[in-house]
Protein backbone atom coordinates (compact mmCIF):
# COMPACT_ATOMS: atom_id res chain seq x y z
CA MET A 1 -9.08 89.37 78.84
CA ASN A 2 -5.46 88.26 78.70
CA ASP A 3 -3.78 85.01 79.75
CA ASN A 4 -3.04 86.31 83.26
CA ASP A 5 -6.73 87.21 83.77
CA VAL A 6 -7.83 83.76 82.63
CA ASP A 7 -5.26 82.12 84.89
CA SER A 8 -6.45 84.11 87.93
CA VAL A 9 -10.11 83.19 87.25
CA LEU A 10 -9.28 79.49 86.92
CA HIS A 11 -7.48 79.55 90.28
CA ASP A 12 -10.14 81.59 92.10
CA SER A 13 -11.72 79.57 94.93
CA ALA A 14 -15.27 80.74 94.06
CA PHE A 15 -14.80 79.57 90.46
CA THR A 16 -13.38 76.26 91.66
CA GLU A 17 -16.38 75.73 93.97
CA TRP A 18 -18.81 76.65 91.16
CA HIS A 19 -17.08 74.31 88.71
CA THR A 20 -17.00 71.47 91.26
CA GLN A 21 -20.72 71.88 91.99
CA ILE A 22 -21.59 71.84 88.28
CA THR A 23 -19.46 68.74 87.74
CA MET A 24 -21.19 67.00 90.67
CA ASN A 25 -24.66 67.97 89.36
CA ILE A 26 -23.85 66.63 85.90
CA ALA A 27 -22.60 63.38 87.42
CA GLN A 28 -25.72 63.04 89.60
CA PHE A 29 -28.46 64.40 87.33
CA GLY A 30 -26.96 64.17 83.84
CA HIS A 31 -26.99 67.92 83.26
CA GLN A 32 -26.84 71.38 84.84
CA LEU A 33 -28.99 74.37 83.91
CA ILE A 34 -27.61 77.90 83.73
CA GLY A 35 -29.85 80.98 83.66
CA VAL A 36 -28.64 84.26 82.18
CA PHE A 37 -30.90 87.23 82.79
CA PRO A 38 -30.47 90.95 82.11
CA GLU A 39 -31.08 93.73 84.58
CA ASP A 40 -34.75 94.65 84.98
CA ASP A 41 -34.49 97.66 82.67
CA ALA A 42 -32.61 95.87 79.87
CA PRO A 43 -34.52 95.23 76.63
CA ALA A 44 -33.04 91.77 76.01
CA PRO A 45 -34.86 88.65 77.24
CA GLY A 46 -33.17 86.15 79.52
CA PHE A 47 -32.22 82.65 78.52
CA THR A 48 -31.53 79.28 80.13
CA TYR A 49 -29.30 76.53 78.76
CA SER A 50 -28.08 73.09 79.69
CA ILE A 51 -24.54 71.87 80.29
CA GLY A 52 -23.64 68.18 80.22
CA LEU A 53 -26.04 66.67 77.69
CA THR A 54 -23.51 66.78 74.85
CA HIS A 55 -21.61 63.78 76.22
CA LYS A 56 -24.69 61.55 76.00
CA PHE A 57 -26.78 63.12 73.21
CA GLY A 58 -24.40 65.27 71.17
CA PHE A 59 -26.28 68.53 71.85
CA GLU A 60 -27.42 70.93 74.57
CA LEU A 61 -30.80 72.56 75.15
CA PHE A 62 -31.56 76.30 75.12
CA VAL A 63 -34.69 78.35 75.95
CA ILE A 64 -35.05 82.09 75.53
CA GLY A 65 -37.68 84.44 76.94
CA LEU A 66 -39.09 82.36 79.82
CA PRO A 67 -38.56 82.96 83.52
CA PHE A 68 -35.93 80.60 84.95
CA SER A 69 -38.44 78.43 86.84
CA SER A 70 -40.50 77.81 83.68
CA ALA A 71 -37.46 77.27 81.48
CA ALA A 72 -35.90 74.91 84.05
CA ALA A 73 -39.10 72.85 84.30
CA LEU A 74 -39.28 72.59 80.50
CA LEU A 75 -35.60 71.72 80.01
CA ASN A 76 -35.58 69.21 82.86
CA HIS A 77 -38.70 67.54 81.41
CA ILE A 78 -37.05 67.29 77.97
CA ALA A 79 -33.81 65.93 79.45
CA ILE A 80 -35.71 63.27 81.39
CA ALA A 81 -37.76 62.35 78.30
CA LEU A 82 -34.56 61.94 76.28
CA GLY A 83 -33.45 59.27 78.72
């Protein structure tokens, strides 16, 4: 990816909406969870990670191998427990 590609992504309206929604969720809930999952036939497991906890705690959370709903419940529970 070159500088022109990066510039076009940053000015894409879908990216701007996505970024705005994440920023709003972090402001409201303290973090945002992102799930990354392979195609059904891929051998790699999926993973879920947090965005936004670094500002308050100095780290993010990461879970690999669980379905998104289970990983989200676990990560949200941990984030709430952290305060």
